[in-house]
N, C-alpha and C. Protein backbone atom coordinates (compact mmCIF):
# COMPACT_ATOMS: atom_id res chain seq x y z
N UNK A 1 115.81 101.89 60.91
CA UNK A 1 115.45 101.40 59.26
C UNK A 1 116.74 100.76 59.05
N UNK A 2 116.33 99.46 58.16
CA UNK A 2 117.96 98.51 57.66
C UNK A 2 119.05 99.53 57.25
N UNK A 3 120.13 99.28 56.55
CA UNK A 3 121.02 100.41 56.15
C UNK A 3 120.78 99.86 55.13
N UNK A 4 120.38 98.54 54.95
CA UNK A 4 120.67 98.33 53.21
C UNK A 4 119.21 98.25 52.38
N UNK A 5 118.42 98.52 53.14
CA UNK A 5 117.55 98.88 52.35
C UNK A 5 117.62 100.63 52.20
N UNK A 6 118.29 101.36 52.98
CA UNK A 6 118.94 103.22 52.93
C UNK A 6 119.74 103.21 51.58
N UNK A 7 120.52 101.98 51.62
CA UNK A 7 121.56 101.95 50.15
C UNK A 7 120.46 101.70 49.10
N UNK A 8 119.92 100.89 48.98
CA UNK A 8 119.24 100.36 47.71
C UNK A 8 118.89 101.27 47.06
N UNK A 9 117.78 102.23 48.45
CA UNK A 9 116.87 103.64 47.81
C UNK A 9 117.57 104.53 47.38
N UNK A 10 119.26 104.87 47.92
CA UNK A 10 119.88 105.44 47.71
C UNK A 10 121.15 105.35 46.28
N UNK A 11 120.31 103.74 46.27
CA UNK A 11 121.07 103.71 44.30
C UNK A 11 119.72 103.78 43.11
N UNK A 12 118.89 104.68 43.13
CA UNK A 12 117.58 104.59 42.73
C UNK A 12 117.88 106.05 42.40
N UNK A 13 117.32 106.01 40.42
CA UNK A 13 117.46 107.99 40.15
C UNK A 13 116.24 108.40 40.89
N UNK A 14 117.11 110.15 40.78
CA UNK A 14 115.95 110.46 41.42
C UNK A 14 114.35 110.82 41.34
N UNK A 15 114.13 110.69 40.21
CA UNK A 15 112.43 110.72 39.78
C UNK A 15 111.51 109.62 40.94
N UNK A 16 112.64 108.00 40.87
CA UNK A 16 112.47 107.07 41.30
C UNK A 16 112.31 107.61 43.52
N UNK A 17 113.65 108.00 43.80
CA UNK A 17 113.39 108.50 44.70
C UNK A 17 111.89 109.20 45.31
N UNK A 18 111.96 109.77 44.48
CA UNK A 18 111.11 111.68 45.09
C UNK A 18 109.84 109.76 44.58
N UNK A 19 108.99 109.18 43.09
CA UNK A 19 108.10 108.80 44.26
C UNK A 19 107.76 107.67 45.41
N UNK A 20 108.91 107.37 45.68
CA UNK A 20 108.75 106.75 46.66
C UNK A 20 108.52 107.86 47.66
N UNK A 21 109.06 109.01 47.94
CA UNK A 21 108.73 109.96 48.84
C UNK A 21 107.80 110.13 48.71
N UNK A 22 107.05 110.57 47.78
CA UNK A 22 105.51 111.54 47.47
C UNK A 22 104.55 110.08 47.97
N UNK A 23 105.11 109.27 47.44
CA UNK A 23 103.74 107.63 47.90
C UNK A 23 104.00 107.52 49.36
N UNK A 24 104.39 107.68 49.95
CA UNK A 24 104.61 107.43 51.22
C UNK A 24 104.11 108.88 52.47
N UNK A 25 104.64 110.16 51.59
CA UNK A 25 103.58 111.58 52.01
C UNK A 25 102.36 111.82 51.11
N UNK A 26 101.97 111.06 51.06
CA UNK A 26 100.25 111.42 50.17
C UNK A 26 99.02 110.07 50.84
N UNK A 27 100.84 108.85 51.33
CA UNK A 27 99.64 107.86 51.88
C UNK A 27 99.28 107.73 53.47
N UNK A 28 97.81 107.84 53.57
CA UNK A 28 96.81 107.86 54.80
C UNK A 28 97.25 106.69 55.86
N UNK A 29 98.58 107.40 56.97
CA UNK A 29 99.21 106.28 57.07
C UNK A 29 97.81 106.12 59.17
N UNK A 30 97.12 107.89 59.40
CA UNK A 30 96.73 108.09 60.26
C UNK A 30 95.22 106.73 59.70
N UNK A 31 94.52 106.60 59.04
CA UNK A 31 93.51 105.69 58.18
C UNK A 31 93.86 104.41 58.60
N UNK A 32 95.29 103.80 58.52
CA UNK A 32 95.56 102.77 58.34
C UNK A 32 95.10 102.22 60.32
N UNK A 33 96.13 103.51 61.00
CA UNK A 33 95.84 103.02 62.10
C UNK A 33 94.76 102.87 62.71
N UNK A 34 93.75 103.40 62.57
CA UNK A 34 92.17 103.68 63.00
C UNK A 34 91.42 102.40 62.61
N UNK A 35 92.07 101.62 60.90
CA UNK A 35 90.90 101.06 60.77
C UNK A 35 92.06 99.14 61.20
N UNK A 36 93.06 99.79 61.71
CA UNK A 36 93.85 98.04 62.87
C UNK A 36 92.99 98.06 64.14
N UNK A 37 93.15 99.45 64.66
CA UNK A 37 92.58 99.58 66.34
C UNK A 37 91.00 98.74 65.67
N UNK A 38 90.50 99.16 65.15
CA UNK A 38 89.44 98.80 64.91
C UNK A 38 88.64 97.45 64.83
N UNK A 39 90.30 96.85 63.89
CA UNK A 39 89.52 95.66 63.00
C UNK A 39 90.29 94.42 64.54
N UNK A 40 91.15 95.16 65.54
CA UNK A 40 92.01 94.67 66.51
C UNK A 40 92.81 94.28 65.70
N UNK A 41 94.08 94.62 64.91
CA UNK A 41 94.87 94.06 63.60
C UNK A 41 96.30 94.30 64.38
N UNK A 42 97.11 93.60 65.37
CA UNK A 42 98.38 94.16 65.43
C UNK A 42 98.90 93.02 64.95
N UNK A 43 100.76 93.94 64.93
CA UNK A 43 101.73 93.24 64.31
C UNK A 43 102.42 92.10 65.49
N UNK A 44 102.70 91.11 65.02
CA UNK A 44 103.16 90.71 66.35
C UNK A 44 104.50 91.26 66.61
N UNK A 45 105.83 91.82 65.79
CA UNK A 45 106.80 92.04 66.66
C UNK A 45 106.40 93.54 66.71
N UNK A 46 105.02 94.38 67.21
CA UNK A 46 105.37 95.65 68.26
C UNK A 46 104.17 94.85 69.20
N UNK A 47 103.75 93.29 69.41
CA UNK A 47 102.61 93.46 70.28
C UNK A 47 101.35 94.17 70.76
N UNK A 48 101.17 95.22 69.16
CA UNK A 48 99.63 95.56 69.38
C UNK A 48 99.76 96.14 67.86
N UNK A 49 99.02 97.17 67.79
CA UNK A 49 98.61 98.41 66.38
C UNK A 49 100.38 98.66 66.77
N UNK A 50 101.00 98.24 65.07
CA UNK A 50 102.17 99.87 64.65
C UNK A 50 101.49 101.15 65.46
N UNK A 51 103.01 101.47 65.65
CA UNK A 51 102.70 102.78 65.16
C UNK A 51 102.91 103.30 63.80
N UNK A 52 102.07 104.74 63.57
CA UNK A 52 102.76 105.37 62.52
C UNK A 52 104.01 105.46 61.81
N UNK A 53 105.25 106.13 63.24
CA UNK A 53 106.97 106.03 62.59
C UNK A 53 107.29 104.68 61.99
N UNK A 54 106.83 103.46 62.01
CA UNK A 54 107.30 102.19 62.92
C UNK A 54 106.28 101.55 61.08
N UNK A 55 104.63 101.96 60.20
CA UNK A 55 103.97 102.16 59.88
C UNK A 55 104.80 102.22 58.57
N UNK A 56 105.53 103.54 58.71
CA UNK A 56 105.47 104.52 57.10
C UNK A 56 107.19 103.26 57.04
N UNK A 57 107.68 103.02 58.36
CA UNK A 57 109.40 102.41 57.88
C UNK A 57 108.85 100.91 57.44
N UNK A 58 107.50 100.44 57.68
CA UNK A 58 107.61 99.28 56.74
C UNK A 58 107.13 99.35 55.36
N UNK A 59 106.28 100.24 55.12
CA UNK A 59 105.90 100.91 53.53
C UNK A 59 107.33 101.44 53.39
N UNK A 60 107.67 101.88 53.62
CA UNK A 60 108.74 102.64 52.63
C UNK A 60 110.11 101.16 52.45
N UNK A 61 110.35 99.68 53.48
CA UNK A 61 110.96 98.95 53.31
C UNK A 61 110.43 98.30 51.52
N UNK A 62 109.04 97.98 52.05
CA UNK A 62 108.39 97.93 50.69
C UNK A 62 108.31 98.15 49.73
N UNK A 63 108.60 99.25 49.11
CA UNK A 63 108.33 100.84 47.85
C UNK A 63 109.90 100.10 47.50
N UNK A 64 110.70 100.07 48.53
CA UNK A 64 112.16 100.10 48.37
C UNK A 64 112.43 98.90 47.57
N UNK A 65 111.73 97.53 48.35
CA UNK A 65 111.75 96.32 48.00
C UNK A 65 110.97 96.13 46.29
N UNK A 66 110.01 96.37 46.04
CA UNK A 66 109.48 96.24 44.75
C UNK A 66 110.05 97.12 44.01
N UNK A 67 110.29 97.87 44.45
CA UNK A 67 111.01 98.62 42.94
C UNK A 67 112.60 98.03 42.79
N UNK A 68 113.24 97.85 43.40
CA UNK A 68 114.73 96.57 43.09
C UNK A 68 114.08 95.67 42.67
N UNK A 69 113.21 94.66 42.87
CA UNK A 69 112.52 93.20 42.31
C UNK A 69 112.42 94.16 40.60
N UNK A 70 111.78 95.10 40.62
CA UNK A 70 111.02 95.51 39.66
C UNK A 70 112.59 96.06 38.03
N UNK A 71 112.90 96.39 39.29
CA UNK A 71 114.19 96.90 37.54
C UNK A 71 114.37 95.82 37.56
N UNK A 72 115.29 94.43 38.47
CA UNK A 72 116.17 93.34 39.00
C UNK A 72 115.29 92.42 37.74
N UNK A 73 114.18 92.08 37.43
CA UNK A 73 113.00 91.17 36.81
C UNK A 73 113.09 92.04 35.62
N UNK A 74 112.68 93.41 35.45
CA UNK A 74 112.76 93.61 34.57
C UNK A 74 110.77 93.96 33.85
N UNK A 75 110.23 93.93 35.04
CA UNK A 75 108.36 93.41 35.10
C UNK A 75 108.07 94.19 36.33
N UNK A 76 106.81 93.42 36.57
CA UNK A 76 106.07 94.49 37.34
C UNK A 76 106.26 93.32 38.94
N UNK A 77 106.27 94.48 40.04
CA UNK A 77 107.03 93.19 41.47
C UNK A 77 106.02 94.14 42.43
N UNK A 78 105.46 92.56 43.01
CA UNK A 78 104.77 93.40 44.26
C UNK A 78 105.33 92.71 45.76
N UNK A 79 105.45 93.20 46.42
CA UNK A 79 105.75 93.09 47.91
C UNK A 79 104.23 92.73 49.14
N UNK A 80 104.56 91.91 49.86
CA UNK A 80 103.41 92.20 50.76
C UNK A 80 103.93 91.72 52.57
N UNK A 81 103.34 92.84 53.38
CA UNK A 81 103.35 92.56 54.56
C UNK A 81 102.27 92.74 55.90
N UNK A 82 101.93 92.79 56.87
CA UNK A 82 101.77 92.81 57.56
C UNK A 82 99.95 94.27 57.34
N UNK A 83 99.80 93.59 56.38
CA UNK A 83 98.42 93.74 55.08
C UNK A 83 98.78 94.95 54.07
N UNK A 84 99.91 95.31 54.58
CA UNK A 84 100.53 95.97 53.20
C UNK A 84 100.95 95.53 52.29
N UNK A 85 99.96 96.31 50.56
CA UNK A 85 101.13 95.50 49.19
C UNK A 85 101.45 96.73 48.92
N UNK A 86 103.37 96.58 48.19
CA UNK A 86 104.02 97.50 47.78
C UNK A 86 103.47 96.62 46.33
N UNK A 87 103.35 98.31 44.64
CA UNK A 87 103.39 97.42 44.04
C UNK A 87 103.85 97.83 43.11
N UNK A 88 105.24 97.89 42.05
CA UNK A 88 106.19 98.53 40.81
C UNK A 88 105.41 98.38 39.55
N UNK A 89 105.43 99.09 39.27
CA UNK A 89 105.41 98.80 37.63
C UNK A 89 105.98 99.06 36.40
N UNK A 90 106.63 98.45 35.75
CA UNK A 90 107.55 98.42 35.12
C UNK A 90 107.09 98.19 33.32
N UNK A 91 107.78 99.68 32.53
CA UNK A 91 107.62 99.45 31.01
C UNK A 91 108.33 99.26 29.83
N UNK A 92 107.19 98.15 29.38
CA UNK A 92 108.42 96.90 28.56
C UNK A 92 109.16 98.24 27.66
N UNK A 93 107.90 98.69 27.24
CA UNK A 93 108.54 99.91 25.92
C UNK A 93 109.86 100.60 26.21
N UNK A 94 109.75 101.19 27.67
CA UNK A 94 110.41 102.35 27.74
C UNK A 94 111.67 101.85 28.30
N UNK A 95 111.00 100.84 29.18
CA UNK A 95 112.66 99.64 29.51
C UNK A 95 113.15 100.22 31.29
N UNK A 96 112.12 100.77 32.38
CA UNK A 96 112.13 101.55 33.35
C UNK A 96 110.54 101.54 33.81
N UNK A 97 110.70 101.98 34.99
CA UNK A 97 109.79 101.43 35.93
C UNK A 97 108.61 102.96 35.41
N UNK A 98 107.66 102.85 35.75
CA UNK A 98 106.87 103.79 35.00
C UNK A 98 105.52 104.29 36.20
N UNK A 99 105.10 103.48 37.86
CA UNK A 99 104.06 103.43 38.41
C UNK A 99 104.61 102.57 39.73
N UNK A 100 103.95 103.59 41.38
CA UNK A 100 103.49 102.49 42.59
C UNK A 100 102.56 103.15 42.55
N UNK A 101 102.85 101.58 43.92
CA UNK A 101 100.84 101.53 44.01
C UNK A 101 101.25 100.85 45.10
N UNK A 102 100.54 101.99 47.01
CA UNK A 102 100.79 101.22 47.87
C UNK A 102 99.34 101.17 48.69
N UNK A 103 99.46 99.97 49.29
CA UNK A 103 97.75 99.55 50.06
C UNK A 103 98.35 98.68 50.51
N UNK A 104 97.13 99.60 51.47
CA UNK A 104 96.50 98.25 53.26
C UNK A 104 95.19 97.98 52.62
N UNK A 105 95.74 96.51 52.65
CA UNK A 105 94.89 95.18 52.28
C UNK A 105 94.03 94.60 53.77
N UNK A 106 92.93 94.51 53.29
CA UNK A 106 92.10 94.90 54.93
C UNK A 106 91.19 92.78 54.33
N UNK A 107 91.14 93.23 52.88
CA UNK A 107 90.40 92.34 52.67
C UNK A 107 90.67 91.05 51.34
N UNK A 108 91.29 90.23 50.97
CA UNK A 108 91.36 90.20 49.40
C UNK A 108 91.03 88.46 49.12
N UNK A 109 90.24 88.94 47.77
CA UNK A 109 90.45 87.06 46.75
C UNK A 109 91.10 87.89 45.67
N UNK A 110 91.57 86.25 45.60
CA UNK A 110 92.09 86.17 43.82
C UNK A 110 91.43 84.55 43.65
N UNK A 111 91.81 84.33 42.50
CA UNK A 111 91.62 82.88 41.40
C UNK A 111 91.98 82.80 39.97
N UNK A 112 91.87 81.77 40.22
CA UNK A 112 93.22 81.75 38.91
C UNK A 112 91.98 81.00 37.89
N UNK A 113 91.70 81.25 37.05
CA UNK A 113 90.27 80.83 35.28
C UNK A 113 91.07 79.60 35.15
N UNK A 114 90.35 78.21 34.97
CA UNK A 114 91.36 77.43 34.04
C UNK A 114 90.82 77.28 32.96
N UNK A 115 91.24 77.27 31.71
CA UNK A 115 90.67 77.14 30.14
C UNK A 115 91.08 75.93 29.67
N UNK A 116 90.12 74.74 29.27
CA UNK A 116 90.28 73.49 28.75
C UNK A 116 89.98 74.34 26.94
């Protein structure tokens, strides 16, 4: 784990640190591994399906980056890699982080609606 990520995590208040830890604790990394194996989805950095430890490390880094980004811009912030998406939600009225979401996304489509 990179020292900058750990340093950033340590700078968060205890409530945010607890929520990141809870999110990682409740997330079903085993199910992600089974899904990745079934889809023959692998990371080039691991030259195969990553270990659960590598997935946890990746997700931890994403949650820390998303939290840091949300605090910096005082708004919602999302970061993604390797199938994982980490979203952190900002409460503009209370001026603080109020939630986070960790997902493994196998397929997704977004579009923009043009208004004339």
